[in-house]
Amino acid sequence: MDKPDWYCDEVIPRRVEVDAVLETESVLAFRPPIPGFGREHVIVVPKQHVRSLLELDAASGAHLLEVVQVVAKAVVERHGGCQVLTTLGDEQHNRHLHLHIAVGDGVARFVPRK
């Protein structure tokens, strides 16, 4: 397992206080204690350690995506839209799969080519 893993070490065992949005037996969706970006920011993680999207098995992925859909739908209803984002490889700051559902400033934006 990669260390440090903020999600396995702090969030999932609740050593740090987070605002749980939705929790199942295998997935946790929460607002982080320090806002990451945007007007609304929810992080969705599998409770079992999965290093990245590239290592996620199909069955776990299906359930994870169901949770993302439920949370994203509620965010869209409140704000009119959102982004769902994950990072891989050198872009991944924590080696535990996590998906961001975010709205507003600081969220990735498409920049058309000139």
C-alpha atoms as a PDB file:
ATOM      1  CA  MET A   1       0.000   0.000   0.000  1.00  0.00           C
ATOM      2  CA  ASP A   2       1.166   3.513  -0.745  1.00  0.00           C
ATOM      3  CA  LYS A   3       1.832   5.780   2.207  1.00  0.00           C
ATOM      4  CA  PRO A   4       0.698   8.218   3.280  1.00  0.00           C
ATOM      5  CA  ASP A   5      -2.899   7.507   2.287  1.00  0.00           C
ATOM      6  CA  TRP A   6      -5.089  10.240   3.741  1.00  0.00           C
ATOM      7  CA  TYR A   7      -8.267   8.367   2.846  1.00  0.00           C
ATOM      8  CA  CYS A   8      -7.336   5.013   4.458  1.00  0.00           C
ATOM      9  CA  ASP A   9      -5.401   6.552   7.351  1.00  0.00           C
ATOM     10  CA  GLU A  10      -7.624   9.482   8.293  1.00  0.00           C
ATOM     11  CA  VAL A  11     -10.960   9.783   6.475  1.00  0.00           C
ATOM     12  CA  ILE A  12     -12.435   6.266   6.325  1.00  0.00           C
ATOM     13  CA  PRO A  13     -11.645   5.453   9.997  1.00  0.00           C
ATOM     14  CA  ARG A  14     -12.956   8.961  10.882  1.00  0.00           C
ATOM     15  CA  ARG A  15      -9.745  10.185  12.522  1.00  0.00           C
ATOM     16  CA  VAL A  16     -10.511  13.445  10.753  1.00  0.00           C
ATOM     17  CA  GLU A  17     -13.990  14.946  10.792  1.00  0.00           C
ATOM     18  CA  VAL A  18     -15.697  15.021   7.393  1.00  0.00           C
ATOM     19  CA  ASP A  19     -19.229  15.833   6.324  1.00  0.00           C
ATOM     20  CA  ALA A  20     -20.525  12.494   4.998  1.00  0.00           C
ATOM     21  CA  VAL A  21     -22.892  13.050   2.080  1.00  0.00           C
ATOM     22  CA  LEU A  22     -23.591   9.386   1.310  1.00  0.00           C
ATOM     23  CA  GLU A  23     -22.107   6.206   2.715  1.00  0.00           C
ATOM     24  CA  THR A  24     -22.558   2.567   1.759  1.00  0.00           C
ATOM     25  CA  GLU A  25     -20.797  -0.541   2.977  1.00  0.00           C
ATOM     26  CA  SER A  26     -18.013  -0.019   0.424  1.00  0.00           C
ATOM     27  CA  VAL A  27     -18.085   3.667  -0.627  1.00  0.00           C
ATOM     28  CA  LEU A  28     -17.903   7.024   1.179  1.00  0.00           C
ATOM     29  CA  ALA A  29     -18.890  10.368  -0.359  1.00  0.00           C
ATOM     30  CA  PHE A  30     -17.959  13.367   1.775  1.00  0.00           C
ATOM     31  CA  ARG A  31     -17.205  17.067   1.856  1.00  0.00           C
ATOM     32  CA  PRO A  32     -13.570  17.507   2.914  1.00  0.00           C
ATOM     33  CA  PRO A  33     -12.740  19.518   6.044  1.00  0.00           C
ATOM     34  CA  ILE A  34     -10.769  21.992   3.916  1.00  0.00           C
ATOM     35  CA  PRO A  35     -12.589  22.926   0.702  1.00  0.00           C
ATOM     36  CA  GLY A  36     -10.569  21.864  -2.345  1.00  0.00           C
ATOM     37  CA  PHE A  37     -12.172  23.987  -5.003  1.00  0.00           C
ATOM     38  CA  GLY A  38     -15.451  25.440  -6.154  1.00  0.00           C
ATOM     39  CA  ARG A  39     -18.697  26.381  -4.463  1.00  0.00           C
ATOM     40  CA  GLU A  40     -19.372  22.744  -3.711  1.00  0.00           C
ATOM     41  CA  HIS A  41     -16.829  19.923  -3.462  1.00  0.00           C
ATOM     42  CA  VAL A  42     -17.587  16.282  -2.669  1.00  0.00           C
ATOM     43  CA  ILE A  43     -15.008  13.491  -2.757  1.00  0.00           C
ATOM     44  CA  VAL A  44     -16.069   9.886  -3.410  1.00  0.00           C
ATOM     45  CA  VAL A  45     -13.760   7.034  -2.384  1.00  0.00           C
ATOM     46  CA  PRO A  46     -13.912   3.258  -2.139  1.00  0.00           C
ATOM     47  CA  LYS A  47     -13.461   2.190   1.483  1.00  0.00           C
ATOM     48  CA  GLN A  48     -11.094  -0.605   0.488  1.00  0.00           C
ATOM     49  CA  HIS A  49      -7.719   0.568  -0.750  1.00  0.00           C
ATOM     50  CA  VAL A  50      -7.683   0.876  -4.535  1.00  0.00           C
ATOM     51  CA  ARG A  51      -4.649   2.718  -5.847  1.00  0.00           C
ATOM     52  CA  SER A  52      -6.258   4.314  -8.914  1.00  0.00           C
ATOM     53  CA  LEU A  53      -8.983   4.032 -11.506  1.00  0.00           C
ATOM     54  CA  LEU A  54      -6.611   1.835 -13.513  1.00  0.00           C
ATOM     55  CA  GLU A  55      -6.691  -0.800 -10.747  1.00  0.00           C
ATOM     56  CA  LEU A  56     -10.435  -0.744 -10.013  1.00  0.00           C
ATOM     57  CA  ASP A  57     -12.332  -3.983 -10.659  1.00  0.00           C
ATOM     58  CA  ALA A  58     -15.585  -3.802 -12.639  1.00  0.00           C
ATOM     59  CA  ALA A  59     -17.956  -4.791  -9.813  1.00  0.00           C
ATOM     60  CA  SER A  60     -16.523  -2.239  -7.399  1.00  0.00           C
ATOM     61  CA  GLY A  61     -16.451   0.325 -10.195  1.00  0.00           C
ATOM     62  CA  ALA A  62     -20.141  -0.146 -10.915  1.00  0.00           C
ATOM     63  CA  HIS A  63     -21.094   0.531  -7.294  1.00  0.00           C
ATOM     64  CA  LEU A  64     -18.687   3.462  -7.013  1.00  0.00           C
ATOM     65  CA  LEU A  65     -20.227   4.984 -10.135  1.00  0.00           C
ATOM     66  CA  GLU A  66     -23.743   4.498  -8.725  1.00  0.00           C
ATOM     67  CA  VAL A  67     -22.757   6.576  -5.688  1.00  0.00           C
ATOM     68  CA  VAL A  68     -21.141   9.212  -7.917  1.00  0.00           C
ATOM     69  CA  GLN A  69     -24.378   9.417  -9.956  1.00  0.00           C
ATOM     70  CA  VAL A  70     -26.568   9.916  -6.889  1.00  0.00           C
ATOM     71  CA  VAL A  71     -24.330  12.630  -5.454  1.00  0.00           C
ATOM     72  CA  ALA A  72     -23.749  14.342  -8.815  1.00  0.00           C
ATOM     73  CA  LYS A  73     -27.487  14.407  -9.538  1.00  0.00           C
ATOM     74  CA  ALA A  74     -28.119  16.245  -6.262  1.00  0.00           C
ATOM     75  CA  VAL A  75     -25.285  18.705  -7.014  1.00  0.00           C
ATOM     76  CA  VAL A  76     -26.676  19.360 -10.516  1.00  0.00           C
ATOM     77  CA  GLU A  77     -30.125  19.983  -9.046  1.00  0.00           C
ATOM     78  CA  ARG A  78     -28.641  22.586  -6.666  1.00  0.00           C
ATOM     79  CA  HIS A  79     -26.188  24.264  -9.039  1.00  0.00           C
ATOM     80  CA  GLY A  80     -27.253  23.442 -12.608  1.00  0.00           C
ATOM     81  CA  GLY A  81     -24.100  21.457 -13.369  1.00  0.00           C
ATOM     82  CA  CYS A  82     -20.892  19.986 -11.991  1.00  0.00           C
ATOM     83  CA  GLN A  83     -17.727  18.180 -12.967  1.00  0.00           C
ATOM     84  CA  VAL A  84     -16.610  14.702 -11.986  1.00  0.00           C
ATOM     85  CA  LEU A  85     -12.846  14.393 -12.014  1.00  0.00           C
ATOM     86  CA  THR A  86     -10.172  11.890 -11.038  1.00  0.00           C
ATOM     87  CA  THR A  87      -6.435  11.914 -11.596  1.00  0.00           C
ATOM     88  CA  LEU A  88      -3.953   9.195 -12.554  1.00  0.00           C
ATOM     89  CA  GLY A  89      -0.216   8.636 -12.494  1.00  0.00           C
ATOM     90  CA  ASP A  90       1.937  11.647 -11.710  1.00  0.00           C
ATOM     91  CA  GLU A  91      -1.185  13.840 -11.507  1.00  0.00           C
ATOM     92  CA  GLN A  92      -2.557  11.811  -8.574  1.00  0.00           C
ATOM     93  CA  HIS A  93      -1.556  13.499  -5.304  1.00  0.00           C
ATOM     94  CA  ASN A  94      -2.849  10.650  -3.087  1.00  0.00           C
ATOM     95  CA  ARG A  95      -2.457   7.038  -4.177  1.00  0.00           C
ATOM     96  CA  HIS A  96      -6.017   6.072  -3.252  1.00  0.00           C
ATOM     97  CA  LEU A  97      -8.707   6.289  -5.916  1.00  0.00           C
ATOM     98  CA  HIS A  98     -10.843   9.359  -5.338  1.00  0.00           C
ATOM     99  CA  LEU A  99     -13.318  11.186  -7.529  1.00  0.00           C
ATOM    100  CA  HIS A 100     -14.115  14.860  -7.088  1.00  0.00           C
ATOM    101  CA  ILE A 101     -17.602  16.220  -7.743  1.00  0.00           C
ATOM    102  CA  ALA A 102     -17.160  19.967  -7.930  1.00  0.00           C
ATOM    103  CA  VAL A 103     -18.851  23.174  -9.024  1.00  0.00           C
ATOM    104  CA  GLY A 104     -17.413  26.652  -9.556  1.00  0.00           C
ATOM    105  CA  ASP A 105     -14.066  28.417  -9.512  1.00  0.00           C
ATOM    106  CA  GLY A 106     -10.974  26.270  -9.474  1.00  0.00           C
ATOM    107  CA  VAL A 107     -12.607  23.445 -11.430  1.00  0.00           C
ATOM    108  CA  ALA A 108     -10.968  22.274 -14.688  1.00  0.00           C
ATOM    109  CA  ARG A 109     -12.226  24.187 -17.709  1.00  0.00           C
ATOM    110  CA  PHE A 110     -12.105  23.312 -21.382  1.00  0.00           C
ATOM    111  CA  VAL A 111      -9.920  25.753 -23.278  1.00  0.00           C
ATOM    112  CA  PRO A 112     -10.615  25.748 -27.044  1.00  0.00           C
ATOM    113  CA  ARG A 113      -7.656  25.781 -29.415  1.00  0.00           C
ATOM    114  CA  LYS A 114      -7.053  29.015 -31.266  1.00  0.00           C
END
